[in-house]
Amino acid sequence: MFDTEKLLTIIIQAGSFASAFAAIAAGVIMASVTKKFGTGILASGFKSISTGVLLIAGGIVLDALNSYLALSSGAFFAAVLILKELLFVAGTYIIVIGSKNTGDKLESLTK
């Protein structure tokens, strides 16, 4: 018999892994930017933002693994859930602060 629930789970997890690997690729590309535009503000901004992108990608991978393994209780589930949320919060924070700092530095160059 065809199990549509399992197929849907696999499709959703495949999308999660694809987005995580795209985020990892973006983070690596951003971290490897070495062109110095002006005073190198964009290169340094990309490097800090890439850290946040990589943390979020790690959270996506943990979320996908958690769903795929169908963990729903226990201490291991709680630890994975807490780690995932910490990665999401830290990644988002780093992206926001890195973007703001880069924007502020670029704005100060135009004055």
PDB file of N, CA and C in Angstrom:
ATOM      1  N   MET A   1       0.835  -1.184   0.000  1.00  0.00           N
ATOM      2  CA  MET A   1       0.000   0.000   0.000  1.00  0.00           C
ATOM      3  C   MET A   1       0.877   1.244   0.000  1.00  0.00           C
ATOM      4  N   PHE A   2       0.471   2.262  -0.689  1.00  0.00           N
ATOM      5  CA  PHE A   2       1.215   3.510  -0.817  1.00  0.00           C
ATOM      6  C   PHE A   2       0.964   4.383   0.410  1.00  0.00           C
ATOM      7  N   ASP A   3       2.023   4.748   1.106  1.00  0.00           N
ATOM      8  CA  ASP A   3       1.905   5.543   2.325  1.00  0.00           C
ATOM      9  C   ASP A   3       2.172   7.019   2.002  1.00  0.00           C
ATOM     10  N   THR A   4       1.104   7.783   1.849  1.00  0.00           N
ATOM     11  CA  THR A   4       1.250   9.194   1.472  1.00  0.00           C
ATOM     12  C   THR A   4       1.858  10.018   2.592  1.00  0.00           C
ATOM     13  N   GLU A   5       1.646   9.633   3.839  1.00  0.00           N
ATOM     14  CA  GLU A   5       2.211  10.381   4.959  1.00  0.00           C
ATOM     15  C   GLU A   5       3.736  10.301   4.944  1.00  0.00           C
ATOM     16  N   LYS A   6       4.274   9.120   4.687  1.00  0.00           N
ATOM     17  CA  LYS A   6       5.728   8.978   4.602  1.00  0.00           C
ATOM     18  C   LYS A   6       6.284   9.735   3.404  1.00  0.00           C
ATOM     19  N   LEU A   7       5.582   9.682   2.287  1.00  0.00           N
ATOM     20  CA  LEU A   7       6.029  10.402   1.095  1.00  0.00           C
ATOM     21  C   LEU A   7       6.047  11.903   1.357  1.00  0.00           C
ATOM     22  N   LEU A   8       5.017  12.418   1.996  1.00  0.00           N
ATOM     23  CA  LEU A   8       4.959  13.841   2.323  1.00  0.00           C
ATOM     24  C   LEU A   8       6.088  14.226   3.271  1.00  0.00           C
ATOM     25  N   THR A   9       6.371  13.389   4.256  1.00  0.00           N
ATOM     26  CA  THR A   9       7.472  13.646   5.184  1.00  0.00           C
ATOM     27  C   THR A   9       8.805  13.696   4.451  1.00  0.00           C
ATOM     28  N   ILE A  10       9.010  12.768   3.528  1.00  0.00           N
ATOM     29  CA  ILE A  10      10.260  12.736   2.767  1.00  0.00           C
ATOM     30  C   ILE A  10      10.389  13.984   1.899  1.00  0.00           C
ATOM     31  N   ILE A  11       9.304  14.406   1.267  1.00  0.00           N
ATOM     32  CA  ILE A  11       9.342  15.603   0.420  1.00  0.00           C
ATOM     33  C   ILE A  11       9.657  16.846   1.256  1.00  0.00           C
ATOM     34  N   ILE A  12       9.041  16.962   2.414  1.00  0.00           N
ATOM     35  CA  ILE A  12       9.275  18.113   3.290  1.00  0.00           C
ATOM     36  C   ILE A  12      10.721  18.128   3.780  1.00  0.00           C
ATOM     37  N   GLN A  13      11.224  16.961   4.179  1.00  0.00           N
ATOM     38  CA  GLN A  13      12.596  16.893   4.670  1.00  0.00           C
ATOM     39  C   GLN A  13      13.605  17.145   3.554  1.00  0.00           C
ATOM     40  N   ALA A  14      13.290  16.704   2.347  1.00  0.00           N
ATOM     41  CA  ALA A  14      14.166  16.983   1.202  1.00  0.00           C
ATOM     42  C   ALA A  14      14.243  18.486   0.963  1.00  0.00           C
ATOM     43  N   GLY A  15      13.128  19.168   1.088  1.00  0.00           N
ATOM     44  CA  GLY A  15      13.125  20.626   0.960  1.00  0.00           C
ATOM     45  C   GLY A  15      13.943  21.288   2.051  1.00  0.00           C
ATOM     46  N   SER A  16      13.850  20.762   3.267  1.00  0.00           N
ATOM     47  CA  SER A  16      14.641  21.316   4.372  1.00  0.00           C
ATOM     48  C   SER A  16      16.128  21.139   4.123  1.00  0.00           C
ATOM     49  N   PHE A  17      16.518  19.950   3.694  1.00  0.00           N
ATOM     50  CA  PHE A  17      17.935  19.712   3.428  1.00  0.00           C
ATOM     51  C   PHE A  17      18.429  20.556   2.257  1.00  0.00           C
ATOM     52  N   ALA A  18      17.607  20.711   1.229  1.00  0.00           N
ATOM     53  CA  ALA A  18      18.005  21.536   0.084  1.00  0.00           C
ATOM     54  C   ALA A  18      18.211  22.980   0.522  1.00  0.00           C
ATOM     55  N   SER A  19      17.304  23.504   1.334  1.00  0.00           N
ATOM     56  CA  SER A  19      17.459  24.887   1.803  1.00  0.00           C
ATOM     57  C   SER A  19      18.658  25.021   2.737  1.00  0.00           C
ATOM     58  N   ALA A  20      18.908  24.003   3.551  1.00  0.00           N
ATOM     59  CA  ALA A  20      20.067  24.047   4.445  1.00  0.00           C
ATOM     60  C   ALA A  20      21.366  24.045   3.650  1.00  0.00           C
ATOM     61  N   PHE A  21      21.448  23.198   2.634  1.00  0.00           N
ATOM     62  CA  PHE A  21      22.668  23.160   1.836  1.00  0.00           C
ATOM     63  C   PHE A  21      22.843  24.432   1.013  1.00  0.00           C
ATOM     64  N   ALA A  22      21.745  25.034   0.572  1.00  0.00           N
ATOM     65  CA  ALA A  22      21.832  26.320  -0.119  1.00  0.00           C
ATOM     66  C   ALA A  22      22.339  27.396   0.845  1.00  0.00           C
ATOM     67  N   ALA A  23      21.864  27.363   2.084  1.00  0.00           N
ATOM     68  CA  ALA A  23      22.325  28.331   3.080  1.00  0.00           C
ATOM     69  C   ALA A  23      23.798  28.116   3.404  1.00  0.00           C
ATOM     70  N   ILE A  24      24.220  26.862   3.474  1.00  0.00           N
ATOM     71  CA  ILE A  24      25.634  26.579   3.734  1.00  0.00           C
ATOM     72  C   ILE A  24      26.485  27.111   2.580  1.00  0.00           C
ATOM     73  N   ALA A  25      26.035  26.867   1.351  1.00  0.00           N
ATOM     74  CA  ALA A  25      26.776  27.370   0.192  1.00  0.00           C
ATOM     75  C   ALA A  25      26.838  28.897   0.214  1.00  0.00           C
ATOM     76  N   ALA A  26      25.721  29.548   0.537  1.00  0.00           N
ATOM     77  CA  ALA A  26      25.705  31.019   0.610  1.00  0.00           C
ATOM     78  C   ALA A  26      26.649  31.516   1.696  1.00  0.00           C
ATOM     79  N   GLY A  27      26.646  30.838   2.839  1.00  0.00           N
ATOM     80  CA  GLY A  27      27.539  31.239   3.927  1.00  0.00           C
ATOM     81  C   GLY A  27      29.000  31.105   3.553  1.00  0.00           C
ATOM     82  N   VAL A  28      29.341  30.018   2.879  1.00  0.00           N
ATOM     83  CA  VAL A  28      30.727  29.808   2.452  1.00  0.00           C
ATOM     84  C   VAL A  28      31.132  30.859   1.416  1.00  0.00           C
ATOM     85  N   ILE A  29      30.245  31.130   0.474  1.00  0.00           N
ATOM     86  CA  ILE A  29      30.548  32.140  -0.550  1.00  0.00           C
ATOM     87  C   ILE A  29      30.713  33.514   0.096  1.00  0.00           C
ATOM     88  N   MET A  30      29.817  33.853   1.016  1.00  0.00           N
ATOM     89  CA  MET A  30      29.911  35.155   1.675  1.00  0.00           C
ATOM     90  C   MET A  30      31.189  35.261   2.509  1.00  0.00           C
ATOM     91  N   ALA A  31      31.558  34.178   3.162  1.00  0.00           N
ATOM     92  CA  ALA A  31      32.764  34.203   3.996  1.00  0.00           C
ATOM     93  C   ALA A  31      34.031  34.316   3.163  1.00  0.00           C
ATOM     94  N   SER A  32      33.962  33.864   1.919  1.00  0.00           N
ATOM     95  CA  SER A  32      35.166  33.883   1.090  1.00  0.00           C
ATOM     96  C   SER A  32      35.317  35.161   0.268  1.00  0.00           C
ATOM     97  N   VAL A  33      34.405  36.113   0.436  1.00  0.00           N
ATOM     98  CA  VAL A  33      34.515  37.384  -0.288  1.00  0.00           C
ATOM     99  C   VAL A  33      35.752  38.122   0.215  1.00  0.00           C
ATOM    100  N   THR A  34      36.634  38.457  -0.704  1.00  0.00           N
ATOM    101  CA  THR A  34      37.861  39.159  -0.319  1.00  0.00           C
ATOM    102  C   THR A  34      38.020  40.490  -1.028  1.00  0.00           C
ATOM    103  N   LYS A  35      37.134  40.789  -1.970  1.00  0.00           N
ATOM    104  CA  LYS A  35      37.247  42.073  -2.675  1.00  0.00           C
ATOM    105  C   LYS A  35      37.038  43.198  -1.673  1.00  0.00           C
ATOM    106  N   LYS A  36      37.895  44.149  -1.757  1.00  0.00           N
ATOM    107  CA  LYS A  36      37.828  45.287  -0.846  1.00  0.00           C
ATOM    108  C   LYS A  36      37.157  46.453  -1.564  1.00  0.00           C
ATOM    109  N   PHE A  37      35.876  46.623  -1.329  1.00  0.00           N
ATOM    110  CA  PHE A  37      35.160  47.761  -1.889  1.00  0.00           C
ATOM    111  C   PHE A  37      35.338  48.928  -0.916  1.00  0.00           C
ATOM    112  N   GLY A  38      35.879  49.996  -1.393  1.00  0.00           N
ATOM    113  CA  GLY A  38      36.105  51.137  -0.512  1.00  0.00           C
ATOM    114  C   GLY A  38      37.120  50.781   0.544  1.00  0.00           C
ATOM    115  N   THR A  39      36.681  50.661   1.759  1.00  0.00           N
ATOM    116  CA  THR A  39      37.588  50.343   2.874  1.00  0.00           C
ATOM    117  C   THR A  39      37.454  48.891   3.323  1.00  0.00           C
ATOM    118  N   GLY A  40      36.813  48.060   2.528  1.00  0.00           N
ATOM    119  CA  GLY A  40      36.661  46.654   2.903  1.00  0.00           C
ATOM    120  C   GLY A  40      35.456  46.393   3.795  1.00  0.00           C
ATOM    121  N   ILE A  41      34.555  47.355   3.848  1.00  0.00           N
ATOM    122  CA  ILE A  41      33.389  47.239   4.727  1.00  0.00           C
ATOM    123  C   ILE A  41      32.490  46.088   4.288  1.00  0.00           C
ATOM    124  N   LEU A  42      32.252  45.970   2.974  1.00  0.00           N
ATOM    125  CA  LEU A  42      31.370  44.894   2.513  1.00  0.00           C
ATOM    126  C   LEU A  42      31.966  43.524   2.775  1.00  0.00           C
ATOM    127  N   ALA A  43      33.255  43.368   2.576  1.00  0.00           N
ATOM    128  CA  ALA A  43      33.898  42.074   2.815  1.00  0.00           C
ATOM    129  C   ALA A  43      33.789  41.685   4.280  1.00  0.00           C
ATOM    130  N   SER A  44      34.043  42.619   5.187  1.00  0.00           N
ATOM    131  CA  SER A  44      33.954  42.300   6.611  1.00  0.00           C
ATOM    132  C   SER A  44      32.501  42.072   7.024  1.00  0.00           C
ATOM    133  N   GLY A  45      31.586  42.824   6.415  1.00  0.00           N
ATOM    134  CA  GLY A  45      30.166  42.620   6.714  1.00  0.00           C
ATOM    135  C   GLY A  45      29.681  41.263   6.251  1.00  0.00           C
ATOM    136  N   PHE A  46      30.099  40.863   5.045  1.00  0.00           N
ATOM    137  CA  PHE A  46      29.725  39.548   4.525  1.00  0.00           C
ATOM    138  C   PHE A  46      30.262  38.441   5.419  1.00  0.00           C
ATOM    139  N   LYS A  47      31.458  38.605   5.928  1.00  0.00           N
ATOM    140  CA  LYS A  47      32.052  37.568   6.775  1.00  0.00           C
ATOM    141  C   LYS A  47      31.250  37.395   8.065  1.00  0.00           C
ATOM    142  N   SER A  48      30.829  38.494   8.680  1.00  0.00           N
ATOM    143  CA  SER A  48      30.053  38.368   9.915  1.00  0.00           C
ATOM    144  C   SER A  48      28.660  37.820   9.641  1.00  0.00           C
ATOM    145  N   ILE A  49      28.036  38.261   8.557  1.00  0.00           N
ATOM    146  CA  ILE A  49      26.691  37.786   8.222  1.00  0.00           C
ATOM    147  C   ILE A  49      26.727  36.306   7.852  1.00  0.00           C
ATOM    148  N   SER A  50      27.806  35.859   7.218  1.00  0.00           N
ATOM    149  CA  SER A  50      27.900  34.448   6.823  1.00  0.00           C
ATOM    150  C   SER A  50      27.890  33.526   8.037  1.00  0.00           C
ATOM    151  N   THR A  51      28.416  33.979   9.144  1.00  0.00           N
ATOM    152  CA  THR A  51      28.376  33.175  10.371  1.00  0.00           C
ATOM    153  C   THR A  51      26.932  32.929  10.786  1.00  0.00           C
ATOM    154  N   GLY A  52      26.119  33.960  10.742  1.00  0.00           N
ATOM    155  CA  GLY A  52      24.701  33.815  11.079  1.00  0.00           C
ATOM    156  C   GLY A  52      23.981  32.890  10.120  1.00  0.00           C
ATOM    157  N   VAL A  53      24.298  33.000   8.834  1.00  0.00           N
ATOM    158  CA  VAL A  53      23.670  32.127   7.829  1.00  0.00           C
ATOM    159  C   VAL A  53      24.025  30.670   8.109  1.00  0.00           C
ATOM    160  N   LEU A  54      25.281  30.415   8.447  1.00  0.00           N
ATOM    161  CA  LEU A  54      25.702  29.042   8.736  1.00  0.00           C
ATOM    162  C   LEU A  54      25.039  28.493  10.002  1.00  0.00           C
ATOM    163  N   LEU A  55      24.835  29.348  10.999  1.00  0.00           N
ATOM    164  CA  LEU A  55      24.137  28.898  12.210  1.00  0.00           C
ATOM    165  C   LEU A  55      22.687  28.533  11.911  1.00  0.00           C
ATOM    166  N   ILE A  56      22.032  29.340  11.104  1.00  0.00           N
ATOM    167  CA  ILE A  56      20.651  29.037  10.728  1.00  0.00           C
ATOM    168  C   ILE A  56      20.591  27.751   9.912  1.00  0.00           C
ATOM    169  N   ALA A  57      21.555  27.540   9.029  1.00  0.00           N
ATOM    170  CA  ALA A  57      21.609  26.292   8.256  1.00  0.00           C
ATOM    171  C   ALA A  57      21.755  25.094   9.183  1.00  0.00           C
ATOM    172  N   GLY A  58      22.563  25.231  10.214  1.00  0.00           N
ATOM    173  CA  GLY A  58      22.701  24.149  11.197  1.00  0.00           C
ATOM    174  C   GLY A  58      21.391  23.865  11.907  1.00  0.00           C
ATOM    175  N   GLY A  59      20.649  24.913  12.228  1.00  0.00           N
ATOM    176  CA  GLY A  59      19.333  24.735  12.851  1.00  0.00           C
ATOM    177  C   GLY A  59      18.354  24.027  11.928  1.00  0.00           C
ATOM    178  N   ILE A  60      18.409  24.359  10.639  1.00  0.00           N
ATOM    179  CA  ILE A  60      17.529  23.697   9.663  1.00  0.00           C
ATOM    180  C   ILE A  60      17.863  22.217   9.560  1.00  0.00           C
ATOM    181  N   VAL A  61      19.149  21.895   9.548  1.00  0.00           N
ATOM    182  CA  VAL A  61      19.564  20.493   9.477  1.00  0.00           C
ATOM    183  C   VAL A  61      19.098  19.740  10.715  1.00  0.00           C
ATOM    184  N   LEU A  62      19.277  20.335  11.897  1.00  0.00           N
ATOM    185  CA  LEU A  62      18.801  19.684  13.121  1.00  0.00           C
ATOM    186  C   LEU A  62      17.294  19.475  13.098  1.00  0.00           C
ATOM    187  N   ASP A  63      16.566  20.468  12.609  1.00  0.00           N
ATOM    188  CA  ASP A  63      15.116  20.352  12.526  1.00  0.00           C
ATOM    189  C   ASP A  63      14.709  19.228  11.577  1.00  0.00           C
ATOM    190  N   ALA A  64      15.375  19.150  10.438  1.00  0.00           N
ATOM    191  CA  ALA A  64      15.058  18.101   9.464  1.00  0.00           C
ATOM    192  C   ALA A  64      15.386  16.719  10.018  1.00  0.00           C
ATOM    193  N   LEU A  65      16.531  16.597  10.666  1.00  0.00           N
ATOM    194  CA  LEU A  65      16.898  15.303  11.254  1.00  0.00           C
ATOM    195  C   LEU A  65      15.923  14.909  12.351  1.00  0.00           C
ATOM    196  N   ASN A  66      15.533  15.883  13.148  1.00  0.00           N
ATOM    197  CA  ASN A  66      14.595  15.623  14.227  1.00  0.00           C
ATOM    198  C   ASN A  66      13.257  15.116  13.688  1.00  0.00           C
ATOM    199  N   SER A  67      12.770  15.751  12.633  1.00  0.00           N
ATOM    200  CA  SER A  67      11.503  15.325  12.039  1.00  0.00           C
ATOM    201  C   SER A  67      11.635  13.974  11.353  1.00  0.00           C
ATOM    202  N   TYR A  68      12.758  13.767  10.670  1.00  0.00           N
ATOM    203  CA  TYR A  68      12.960  12.509   9.945  1.00  0.00           C
ATOM    204  C   TYR A  68      13.070  11.328  10.904  1.00  0.00           C
ATOM    205  N   LEU A  69      13.762  11.525  12.028  1.00  0.00           N
ATOM    206  CA  LEU A  69      13.912  10.449  13.000  1.00  0.00           C
ATOM    207  C   LEU A  69      12.671  10.286  13.867  1.00  0.00           C
ATOM    208  N   ALA A  70      11.724  11.198  13.715  1.00  0.00           N
ATOM    209  CA  ALA A  70      10.446  11.163  14.433  1.00  0.00           C
ATOM    210  C   ALA A  70      10.641  11.117  15.944  1.00  0.00           C
ATOM    211  N   LEU A  71      11.576  11.910  16.413  1.00  0.00           N
ATOM    212  CA  LEU A  71      11.769  12.026  17.850  1.00  0.00           C
ATOM    213  C   LEU A  71      10.711  12.966  18.395  1.00  0.00           C
ATOM    214  N   SER A  72      10.023  12.540  19.412  1.00  0.00           N
ATOM    215  CA  SER A  72       8.970  13.400  19.953  1.00  0.00           C
ATOM    216  C   SER A  72       8.959  13.443  21.469  1.00  0.00           C
ATOM    217  N   SER A  73       9.905  12.787  22.105  1.00  0.00           N
ATOM    218  CA  SER A  73       9.942  12.848  23.560  1.00  0.00           C
ATOM    219  C   SER A  73      11.331  12.444  24.034  1.00  0.00           C
ATOM    220  N   GLY A  74      11.566  12.678  25.288  1.00  0.00           N
ATOM    221  CA  GLY A  74      12.824  12.281  25.887  1.00  0.00           C
ATOM    222  C   GLY A  74      13.815  13.419  26.000  1.00  0.00           C
ATOM    223  N   ALA A  75      14.885  13.132  26.717  1.00  0.00           N
ATOM    224  CA  ALA A  75      15.906  14.142  26.966  1.00  0.00           C
ATOM    225  C   ALA A  75      16.655  14.502  25.690  1.00  0.00           C
ATOM    226  N   PHE A  76      16.898  13.530  24.816  1.00  0.00           N
ATOM    227  CA  PHE A  76      17.614  13.811  23.568  1.00  0.00           C
ATOM    228  C   PHE A  76      16.797  14.755  22.700  1.00  0.00           C
ATOM    229  N   PHE A  77      15.487  14.532  22.627  1.00  0.00           N
ATOM    230  CA  PHE A  77      14.606  15.416  21.856  1.00  0.00           C
ATOM    231  C   PHE A  77      14.656  16.831  22.409  1.00  0.00           C
ATOM    232  N   ALA A  78      14.599  16.964  23.725  1.00  0.00           N
ATOM    233  CA  ALA A  78      14.629  18.283  24.347  1.00  0.00           C
ATOM    234  C   ALA A  78      15.955  18.985  24.073  1.00  0.00           C
ATOM    235  N   ALA A  79      17.055  18.252  24.143  1.00  0.00           N
ATOM    236  CA  ALA A  79      18.372  18.840  23.886  1.00  0.00           C
ATOM    237  C   ALA A  79      18.485  19.304  22.440  1.00  0.00           C
ATOM    238  N   VAL A  80      18.001  18.491  21.501  1.00  0.00           N
ATOM    239  CA  VAL A  80      18.044  18.860  20.083  1.00  0.00           C
ATOM    240  C   VAL A  80      17.173  20.085  19.828  1.00  0.00           C
ATOM    241  N   LEU A  81      16.005  20.119  20.440  1.00  0.00           N
ATOM    242  CA  LEU A  81      15.096  21.249  20.278  1.00  0.00           C
ATOM    243  C   LEU A  81      15.716  22.541  20.812  1.00  0.00           C
ATOM    244  N   ILE A  82      16.320  22.470  21.980  1.00  0.00           N
ATOM    245  CA  ILE A  82      16.954  23.655  22.562  1.00  0.00           C
ATOM    246  C   ILE A  82      18.129  24.109  21.707  1.00  0.00           C
ATOM    247  N   LEU A  83      18.954  23.161  21.251  1.00  0.00           N
ATOM    248  CA  LEU A  83      20.090  23.509  20.397  1.00  0.00           C
ATOM    249  C   LEU A  83      19.632  24.144  19.091  1.00  0.00           C
ATOM    250  N   LYS A  84      18.569  23.581  18.503  1.00  0.00           N
ATOM    251  CA  LYS A  84      18.028  24.138  17.249  1.00  0.00           C
ATOM    252  C   LYS A  84      17.573  25.578  17.452  1.00  0.00           C
ATOM    253  N   GLU A  85      16.840  25.821  18.515  1.00  0.00           N
ATOM    254  CA  GLU A  85      16.341  27.168  18.779  1.00  0.00           C
ATOM    255  C   GLU A  85      17.488  28.141  19.068  1.00  0.00           C
ATOM    256  N   LEU A  86      18.512  27.678  19.782  1.00  0.00           N
ATOM    257  CA  LEU A  86      19.667  28.533  20.033  1.00  0.00           C
ATOM    258  C   LEU A  86      20.393  28.889  18.735  1.00  0.00           C
ATOM    259  N   LEU A  87      20.508  27.924  17.830  1.00  0.00           N
ATOM    260  CA  LEU A  87      21.137  28.201  16.536  1.00  0.00           C
ATOM    261  C   LEU A  87      20.329  29.215  15.740  1.00  0.00           C
ATOM    262  N   PHE A  88      19.003  29.071  15.735  1.00  0.00           N
ATOM    263  CA  PHE A  88      18.158  30.020  15.012  1.00  0.00           C
ATOM    264  C   PHE A  88      18.271  31.426  15.602  1.00  0.00           C
ATOM    265  N   VAL A  89      18.205  31.533  16.917  1.00  0.00           N
ATOM    266  CA  VAL A  89      18.259  32.849  17.562  1.00  0.00           C
ATOM    267  C   VAL A  89      19.630  33.488  17.363  1.00  0.00           C
ATOM    268  N   ALA A  90      20.691  32.732  17.592  1.00  0.00           N
ATOM    269  CA  ALA A  90      22.040  33.279  17.438  1.00  0.00           C
ATOM    270  C   ALA A  90      22.305  33.661  15.982  1.00  0.00           C
ATOM    271  N   GLY A  91      21.896  32.825  15.047  1.00  0.00           N
ATOM    272  CA  GLY A  91      22.102  33.121  13.634  1.00  0.00           C
ATOM    273  C   GLY A  91      21.369  34.377  13.206  1.00  0.00           C
ATOM    274  N   THR A  92      20.124  34.492  13.620  1.00  0.00           N
ATOM    275  CA  THR A  92      19.335  35.680  13.275  1.00  0.00           C
ATOM    276  C   THR A  92      19.936  36.931  13.905  1.00  0.00           C
ATOM    277  N   TYR A  93      20.356  36.824  15.141  1.00  0.00           N
ATOM    278  CA  TYR A  93      20.965  37.965  15.834  1.00  0.00           C
ATOM    279  C   TYR A  93      22.230  38.419  15.100  1.00  0.00           C
ATOM    280  N   ILE A  94      23.083  37.481  14.741  1.00  0.00           N
ATOM    281  CA  ILE A  94      24.327  37.823  14.057  1.00  0.00           C
ATOM    282  C   ILE A  94      24.050  38.473  12.701  1.00  0.00           C
ATOM    283  N   ILE A  95      23.069  37.962  11.966  1.00  0.00           N
ATOM    284  CA  ILE A  95      22.716  38.550  10.673  1.00  0.00           C
ATOM    285  C   ILE A  95      22.214  39.982  10.838  1.00  0.00           C
ATOM    286  N   VAL A  96      21.333  40.191  11.804  1.00  0.00           N
ATOM    287  CA  VAL A  96      20.762  41.524  12.013  1.00  0.00           C
ATOM    288  C   VAL A  96      21.837  42.517  12.450  1.00  0.00           C
ATOM    289  N   ILE A  97      22.641  42.134  13.424  1.00  0.00           N
ATOM    290  CA  ILE A  97      23.678  43.040  13.924  1.00  0.00           C
ATOM    291  C   ILE A  97      24.745  43.279  12.850  1.00  0.00           C
ATOM    292  N   GLY A  98      25.143  42.227  12.135  1.00  0.00           N
ATOM    293  CA  GLY A  98      26.126  42.385  11.069  1.00  0.00           C
ATOM    294  C   GLY A  98      25.624  43.289   9.958  1.00  0.00           C
ATOM    295  N   SER A  99      24.350  43.132   9.601  1.00  0.00           N
ATOM    296  CA  SER A  99      23.763  43.980   8.563  1.00  0.00           C
ATOM    297  C   SER A  99      23.682  45.437   9.017  1.00  0.00           C
ATOM    298  N   LYS A 100      23.284  45.638  10.268  1.00  0.00           N
ATOM    299  CA  LYS A 100      23.187  47.003  10.785  1.00  0.00           C
ATOM    300  C   LYS A 100      24.558  47.659  10.836  1.00  0.00           C
ATOM    301  N   ASN A 101      25.548  46.936  11.336  1.00  0.00           N
ATOM    302  CA  ASN A 101      26.902  47.506  11.419  1.00  0.00           C
ATOM    303  C   ASN A 101      27.446  47.837  10.034  1.00  0.00           C
ATOM    304  N   THR A 102      27.221  46.945   9.078  1.00  0.00           N
ATOM    305  CA  THR A 102      27.685  47.199   7.714  1.00  0.00           C
ATOM    306  C   THR A 102      26.975  48.409   7.126  1.00  0.00           C
ATOM    307  N   GLY A 103      25.666  48.484   7.316  1.00  0.00           N
ATOM    308  CA  GLY A 103      24.904  49.637   6.829  1.00  0.00           C
ATOM    309  C   GLY A 103      25.360  50.932   7.464  1.00  0.00           C
ATOM    310  N   ASP A 104      25.610  50.900   8.774  1.00  0.00           N
ATOM    311  CA  ASP A 104      26.079  52.106   9.465  1.00  0.00           C
ATOM    312  C   ASP A 104      27.431  52.562   8.943  1.00  0.00           C
ATOM    313  N   LYS A 105      28.332  51.597   8.709  1.00  0.00           N
ATOM    314  CA  LYS A 105      29.666  51.944   8.201  1.00  0.00           C
ATOM    315  C   LYS A 105      29.576  52.500   6.783  1.00  0.00           C
ATOM    316  N   LEU A 106      28.735  51.897   5.953  1.00  0.00           N
ATOM    317  CA  LEU A 106      28.576  52.412   4.584  1.00  0.00           C
ATOM    318  C   LEU A 106      27.952  53.796   4.584  1.00  0.00           C
ATOM    319  N   GLU A 107      27.004  54.005   5.480  1.00  0.00           N
ATOM    320  CA  GLU A 107      26.358  55.318   5.577  1.00  0.00           C
ATOM    321  C   GLU A 107      27.344  56.383   6.018  1.00  0.00           C
ATOM    322  N   SER A 108      28.238  56.026   6.935  1.00  0.00           N
ATOM    323  CA  SER A 108      29.210  57.019   7.407  1.00  0.00           C
ATOM    324  C   SER A 108      30.214  57.384   6.320  1.00  0.00           C
ATOM    325  N   LEU A 109      30.429  56.491   5.336  1.00  0.00           N
ATOM    326  CA  LEU A 109      31.328  56.805   4.221  1.00  0.00           C
ATOM    327  C   LEU A 109      30.722  57.828   3.279  1.00  0.00           C
ATOM    328  N   THR A 110      29.397  57.850   3.199  1.00  0.00           N
ATOM    329  CA  THR A 110      28.740  58.746   2.247  1.00  0.00           C
ATOM    330  C   THR A 110      28.523  60.151   2.803  1.00  0.00           C
ATOM    331  N   LYS A 111      28.818  60.367   4.051  1.00  0.00           N
ATOM    332  CA  LYS A 111      28.618  61.687   4.663  1.00  0.00           C
ATOM    333  C   LYS A 111      29.800  62.580   4.437  1.00  0.00           C
TER     334      LYS A 111
END
